[in-house]
Amino acid sequence: MSYIYLVVAIIIEIGATSSLKASDGFTNWLFTLLSLIGYGVSFYFLSMALREISVGIAYAIWSGIGTVGICLFAWLVYKQNLSFISVIGIVFIVTGVIIVNFGNMGHHT
């Protein structure tokens, strides 16, 4: 169940970060509110995941996959450029998250 909480935290964090961009420096109150609530809910689910997943592993997954997710979202929705070098960096992030998880298999706390 903890990994489900972690996935939910990541998805909500990506939405909150996207809303932060759309808030236009907190001048659009709707997206400002969505962003603030989203971060709060995301941290709640992250804290639930931390009941069984070690903080280092959970944070590596949360921040790594969140970074990849927001890069892809920004590329698709905001039409932000992803250069070849950026794509290589994203591949390194995903690879790093996989390596961290394999290196910690069997360790829960």
Protein backbone atom coordinates (compact mmCIF):
# COMPACT_ATOMS: atom_id res chain seq x y z
CA MET A 1 0.00 0.00 0.00
CA SER A 2 2.90 2.37 0.69
CA TYR A 3 3.96 2.42 -2.94
CA ILE A 4 0.39 3.29 -3.94
CA TYR A 5 0.56 6.23 -1.53
CA LEU A 6 3.87 7.22 -3.08
CA VAL A 7 2.47 7.10 -6.63
CA VAL A 8 -0.51 9.23 -5.55
CA ALA A 9 1.89 11.72 -3.91
CA ILE A 10 3.92 11.95 -7.12
CA ILE A 11 0.89 12.45 -9.37
CA ILE A 12 -0.54 15.15 -7.11
CA GLU A 13 2.86 16.86 -6.83
CA ILE A 14 3.10 17.02 -10.62
CA GLY A 15 -0.36 18.61 -10.70
CA ALA A 16 0.58 21.06 -7.95
CA THR A 17 3.77 22.09 -9.75
CA SER A 18 1.83 22.54 -12.99
CA SER A 19 -0.66 24.71 -11.11
CA LEU A 20 2.24 26.70 -9.67
CA LYS A 21 3.32 27.57 -13.22
CA ALA A 22 -0.28 28.44 -14.13
CA SER A 23 -0.64 30.61 -10.99
CA ASP A 24 1.51 33.22 -12.75
CA GLY A 25 3.44 34.20 -9.63
CA PHE A 26 0.41 33.70 -7.37
CA THR A 27 -1.62 36.27 -9.33
CA ASN A 28 -4.20 33.70 -10.49
CA TRP A 29 -5.95 32.75 -7.26
CA LEU A 30 -7.52 29.53 -8.59
CA PHE A 31 -4.21 27.98 -9.63
CA THR A 32 -2.52 29.38 -6.51
CA LEU A 33 -5.08 27.57 -4.36
CA LEU A 34 -4.79 24.36 -6.41
CA SER A 35 -1.03 24.49 -6.05
CA LEU A 36 -1.03 25.02 -2.28
CA ILE A 37 -3.67 22.37 -1.64
CA GLY A 38 -1.94 19.99 -4.04
CA TYR A 39 1.39 20.29 -2.26
CA GLY A 40 -0.29 19.73 1.11
CA VAL A 41 -2.11 16.62 -0.13
CA SER A 42 1.04 15.36 -1.84
CA PHE A 43 3.05 15.69 1.37
CA TYR A 44 0.28 13.91 3.26
CA PHE A 45 0.48 10.91 0.91
CA LEU A 46 4.28 11.02 1.00
CA SER A 47 4.12 10.88 4.81
CA MET A 48 1.80 7.87 4.58
CA ALA A 49 4.29 6.13 2.27
CA LEU A 50 7.07 6.83 4.77
CA ARG A 51 5.40 4.51 7.28
CA GLU A 52 6.93 1.56 5.41
CA ILE A 53 9.39 2.98 2.87
CA SER A 54 12.65 4.48 4.08
CA VAL A 55 12.80 8.24 3.70
CA GLY A 56 15.85 8.20 1.41
CA ILE A 57 14.28 5.72 -1.00
CA ALA A 58 10.85 7.35 -0.95
CA TYR A 59 12.32 10.80 -1.54
CA ALA A 60 14.56 9.55 -4.35
CA ILE A 61 11.54 8.06 -6.10
CA TRP A 62 9.27 11.03 -5.34
CA SER A 63 11.69 13.68 -6.50
CA GLY A 64 13.11 11.70 -9.44
CA ILE A 65 9.84 10.55 -10.96
CA GLY A 66 8.24 13.91 -10.11
CA THR A 67 11.02 15.69 -12.00
CA VAL A 68 10.59 13.44 -15.02
CA GLY A 69 6.81 13.82 -14.86
CA ILE A 70 6.87 17.61 -14.71
CA CYS A 71 9.41 17.77 -17.55
CA LEU A 72 7.12 15.65 -19.73
CA PHE A 73 4.05 17.63 -18.66
CA ALA A 74 5.76 20.94 -19.44
CA TRP A 75 6.86 19.59 -22.81
CA LEU A 76 3.35 18.40 -23.70
CA VAL A 77 1.22 21.18 -22.21
CA TYR A 78 3.45 24.26 -22.10
CA LYS A 79 5.40 23.31 -25.25
CA GLN A 80 8.68 23.76 -23.39
CA ASN A 81 11.68 22.49 -25.30
CA LEU A 82 13.36 19.25 -24.26
CA SER A 83 16.78 19.11 -25.88
CA PHE A 84 18.62 15.89 -26.55
CA ILE A 85 20.84 16.60 -23.54
CA SER A 86 17.72 17.12 -21.38
CA VAL A 87 16.34 13.76 -22.50
CA ILE A 88 19.66 12.12 -21.61
CA GLY A 89 19.40 13.73 -18.16
CA ILE A 90 15.86 12.37 -17.74
CA VAL A 91 17.12 8.90 -18.67
CA PHE A 92 19.85 9.26 -16.02
CA ILE A 93 17.24 10.27 -13.41
CA VAL A 94 15.07 7.23 -14.18
CA THR A 95 18.13 4.98 -14.20
CA GLY A 96 19.24 6.40 -10.86
CA VAL A 97 15.84 5.78 -9.28
CA ILE A 98 15.92 2.18 -10.54
CA ILE A 99 19.46 1.63 -9.22
CA VAL A 100 18.58 3.10 -5.82
CA ASN A 101 15.59 0.76 -5.58
CA PHE A 102 17.54 -2.35 -6.61
CA GLY A 103 20.27 -1.45 -4.16
CA ASN A 104 17.74 -1.30 -1.36
CA MET A 105 15.62 -4.38 -2.12
CA GLY A 106 14.62 -6.15 1.05
CA HIS A 107 15.29 -3.11 3.27
CA HIS A 108 12.08 -1.49 4.50
CA THR A 109 13.20 1.15 6.98
